Amino acid sequence: MVTSEKMALTNNARFMHCLPVRRNVVVADAVLDDPRCLIFEQAKNREFAAQAVLEELIRVDKS
């Protein structure tokens, strides 16, 4: 499990995960709630990518 203690051993690392994540099983709450955690930015980027794929599929279907 990724914990605050393990993150403290890094050189100011940021935590990334593609979601969903099991809190306190895969990663500790303290790591997920830390300002250096990038999971929500990653999820937002994935949303835009999925929208682009869907748009392309709809466009191909109409052709």
N, C-alpha and C. Protein backbone atom coordinates (compact mmCIF):
# COMPACT_ATOMS: atom_id res chain seq x y z
N MET A 1 0.84 -1.18 0.00
CA MET A 1 0.00 0.00 0.00
C MET A 1 0.89 1.25 0.00
N VAL A 2 0.49 2.24 -0.77
CA VAL A 2 1.23 3.51 -0.79
C VAL A 2 0.78 4.33 0.42
N THR A 3 1.74 4.71 1.22
CA THR A 3 1.44 5.46 2.45
C THR A 3 2.19 6.79 2.43
N SER A 4 1.84 7.64 3.35
CA SER A 4 2.54 8.92 3.50
C SER A 4 4.02 8.70 3.82
N GLU A 5 4.28 7.67 4.60
CA GLU A 5 5.66 7.36 4.97
C GLU A 5 6.48 7.00 3.72
N LYS A 6 5.91 6.21 2.84
CA LYS A 6 6.61 5.85 1.61
C LYS A 6 6.77 7.07 0.70
N MET A 7 5.76 7.91 0.62
CA MET A 7 5.86 9.11 -0.20
C MET A 7 6.93 10.05 0.35
N ALA A 8 7.12 10.06 1.66
CA ALA A 8 8.14 10.91 2.29
C ALA A 8 9.55 10.48 1.90
N LEU A 9 9.72 9.24 1.48
CA LEU A 9 11.03 8.74 1.08
C LEU A 9 11.43 9.18 -0.33
N THR A 10 10.49 9.77 -1.06
CA THR A 10 10.75 10.17 -2.45
C THR A 10 11.31 11.59 -2.50
N ASN A 11 11.67 11.99 -3.69
CA ASN A 11 12.17 13.34 -3.91
C ASN A 11 11.01 14.23 -4.34
N ASN A 12 10.08 14.48 -3.39
CA ASN A 12 8.92 15.34 -3.62
C ASN A 12 8.03 14.78 -4.75
N ALA A 13 7.81 13.47 -4.75
CA ALA A 13 7.01 12.83 -5.79
C ALA A 13 5.54 13.22 -5.69
N ARG A 14 4.86 13.07 -6.81
CA ARG A 14 3.42 13.27 -6.87
C ARG A 14 2.77 11.92 -7.12
N PHE A 15 1.60 11.71 -6.52
CA PHE A 15 0.93 10.43 -6.67
C PHE A 15 -0.06 10.48 -7.83
N MET A 16 0.03 9.48 -8.71
CA MET A 16 -0.88 9.37 -9.85
C MET A 16 -1.52 7.99 -9.84
N HIS A 17 -2.78 7.93 -10.24
CA HIS A 17 -3.49 6.65 -10.34
C HIS A 17 -4.62 6.85 -11.33
N CYS A 18 -4.94 5.82 -12.08
CA CYS A 18 -5.94 5.96 -13.14
C CYS A 18 -7.38 5.84 -12.66
N LEU A 19 -7.61 5.53 -11.41
CA LEU A 19 -8.94 5.39 -10.82
C LEU A 19 -9.72 4.28 -11.50
N PRO A 20 -10.60 3.62 -10.86
CA PRO A 20 -10.91 3.75 -9.43
C PRO A 20 -9.79 3.15 -8.57
N VAL A 21 -9.75 3.60 -7.35
CA VAL A 21 -8.73 3.12 -6.41
C VAL A 21 -9.43 2.73 -5.11
N ARG A 22 -8.94 1.69 -4.49
CA ARG A 22 -9.51 1.26 -3.21
C ARG A 22 -8.76 1.96 -2.08
N ARG A 23 -9.44 2.91 -1.45
CA ARG A 23 -8.85 3.67 -0.35
C ARG A 23 -8.46 2.75 0.79
N ASN A 24 -7.30 3.01 1.32
CA ASN A 24 -6.75 2.27 2.46
C ASN A 24 -6.53 0.79 2.17
N VAL A 25 -6.55 0.40 0.89
CA VAL A 25 -6.16 -0.94 0.47
C VAL A 25 -4.98 -0.81 -0.49
N VAL A 26 -5.15 0.03 -1.51
CA VAL A 26 -4.09 0.27 -2.49
C VAL A 26 -3.27 1.49 -2.08
N VAL A 27 -3.97 2.50 -1.60
CA VAL A 27 -3.31 3.75 -1.22
C VAL A 27 -4.03 4.36 -0.02
N ALA A 28 -3.27 4.94 0.87
CA ALA A 28 -3.83 5.52 2.09
C ALA A 28 -4.59 6.80 1.80
N ASP A 29 -5.61 7.06 2.60
CA ASP A 29 -6.40 8.28 2.47
C ASP A 29 -5.51 9.52 2.49
N ALA A 30 -4.52 9.53 3.35
CA ALA A 30 -3.64 10.70 3.48
C ALA A 30 -2.92 11.01 2.17
N VAL A 31 -2.58 9.99 1.41
CA VAL A 31 -1.90 10.20 0.13
C VAL A 31 -2.90 10.73 -0.90
N LEU A 32 -4.10 10.13 -0.94
CA LEU A 32 -5.12 10.57 -1.90
C LEU A 32 -5.59 12.00 -1.64
N ASP A 33 -5.63 12.38 -0.39
CA ASP A 33 -6.12 13.71 -0.02
C ASP A 33 -5.02 14.77 0.01
N ASP A 34 -3.79 14.38 -0.25
CA ASP A 34 -2.66 15.30 -0.25
C ASP A 34 -2.71 16.21 -1.49
N PRO A 35 -2.31 17.47 -1.36
CA PRO A 35 -2.31 18.37 -2.52
C PRO A 35 -1.40 17.91 -3.67
N ARG A 36 -0.45 17.03 -3.37
CA ARG A 36 0.44 16.52 -4.42
C ARG A 36 -0.16 15.35 -5.20
N CYS A 37 -1.37 14.96 -4.87
CA CYS A 37 -2.04 13.86 -5.55
C CYS A 37 -2.69 14.38 -6.84
N LEU A 38 -2.46 13.68 -7.94
CA LEU A 38 -2.94 14.12 -9.26
C LEU A 38 -4.06 13.25 -9.81
N ILE A 39 -4.72 12.47 -8.98
CA ILE A 39 -5.69 11.52 -9.52
C ILE A 39 -6.88 12.20 -10.18
N PHE A 40 -7.34 13.31 -9.66
CA PHE A 40 -8.52 13.95 -10.25
C PHE A 40 -8.19 14.62 -11.58
N GLU A 41 -6.99 15.16 -11.71
CA GLU A 41 -6.56 15.71 -12.99
C GLU A 41 -6.46 14.61 -14.03
N GLN A 42 -5.96 13.44 -13.63
CA GLN A 42 -5.87 12.32 -14.54
C GLN A 42 -7.25 11.85 -14.98
N ALA A 43 -8.18 11.77 -14.05
CA ALA A 43 -9.53 11.34 -14.38
C ALA A 43 -10.19 12.31 -15.35
N LYS A 44 -9.96 13.60 -15.15
CA LYS A 44 -10.53 14.60 -16.05
C LYS A 44 -9.95 14.44 -17.46
N ASN A 45 -8.66 14.22 -17.57
CA ASN A 45 -8.04 14.01 -18.88
C ASN A 45 -8.61 12.77 -19.56
N ARG A 46 -8.84 11.72 -18.79
CA ARG A 46 -9.40 10.49 -19.36
C ARG A 46 -10.82 10.73 -19.87
N GLU A 47 -11.58 11.57 -19.18
CA GLU A 47 -12.94 11.89 -19.61
C GLU A 47 -12.90 12.54 -21.00
N PHE A 48 -12.01 13.49 -21.21
CA PHE A 48 -11.92 14.16 -22.51
C PHE A 48 -11.50 13.19 -23.61
N ALA A 49 -10.61 12.28 -23.29
CA ALA A 49 -10.18 11.28 -24.28
C ALA A 49 -11.36 10.37 -24.65
N ALA A 50 -12.14 9.95 -23.68
CA ALA A 50 -13.30 9.10 -23.95
C ALA A 50 -14.33 9.84 -24.80
N GLN A 51 -14.53 11.12 -24.52
CA GLN A 51 -15.47 11.92 -25.32
C GLN A 51 -15.01 12.02 -26.77
N ALA A 52 -13.73 12.18 -26.98
CA ALA A 52 -13.20 12.28 -28.34
C ALA A 52 -13.40 10.96 -29.10
N VAL A 53 -13.21 9.84 -28.42
CA VAL A 53 -13.42 8.54 -29.05
C VAL A 53 -14.89 8.37 -29.41
N LEU A 54 -15.78 8.71 -28.50
CA LEU A 54 -17.22 8.60 -28.78
C LEU A 54 -17.63 9.49 -29.94
N GLU A 55 -17.11 10.70 -29.97
CA GLU A 55 -17.43 11.61 -31.06
C GLU A 55 -16.98 11.03 -32.40
N GLU A 56 -15.80 10.44 -32.43
CA GLU A 56 -15.30 9.84 -33.67
C GLU A 56 -16.17 8.66 -34.09
N LEU A 57 -16.59 7.85 -33.14
CA LEU A 57 -17.45 6.71 -33.46
C LEU A 57 -18.79 7.17 -34.02
N ILE A 58 -19.35 8.21 -33.46
CA ILE A 58 -20.62 8.75 -33.97
C ILE A 58 -20.43 9.31 -35.38
N ARG A 59 -19.34 10.00 -35.59
CA ARG A 59 -19.06 10.57 -36.91
C ARG A 59 -18.91 9.48 -37.97
N VAL A 60 -18.23 8.40 -37.64
CA VAL A 60 -18.02 7.30 -38.58
C VAL A 60 -19.35 6.63 -38.89
N ASP A 61 -20.21 6.48 -37.89
CA ASP A 61 -21.50 5.83 -38.06
C ASP A 61 -22.41 6.58 -39.03
N LYS A 62 -22.31 7.91 -39.05
CA LYS A 62 -23.16 8.73 -39.92
C LYS A 62 -22.68 8.73 -41.36
N SER A 63 -21.45 8.34 -41.62
CA SER A 63 -20.89 8.38 -42.97
C SER A 63 -21.47 7.35 -43.89
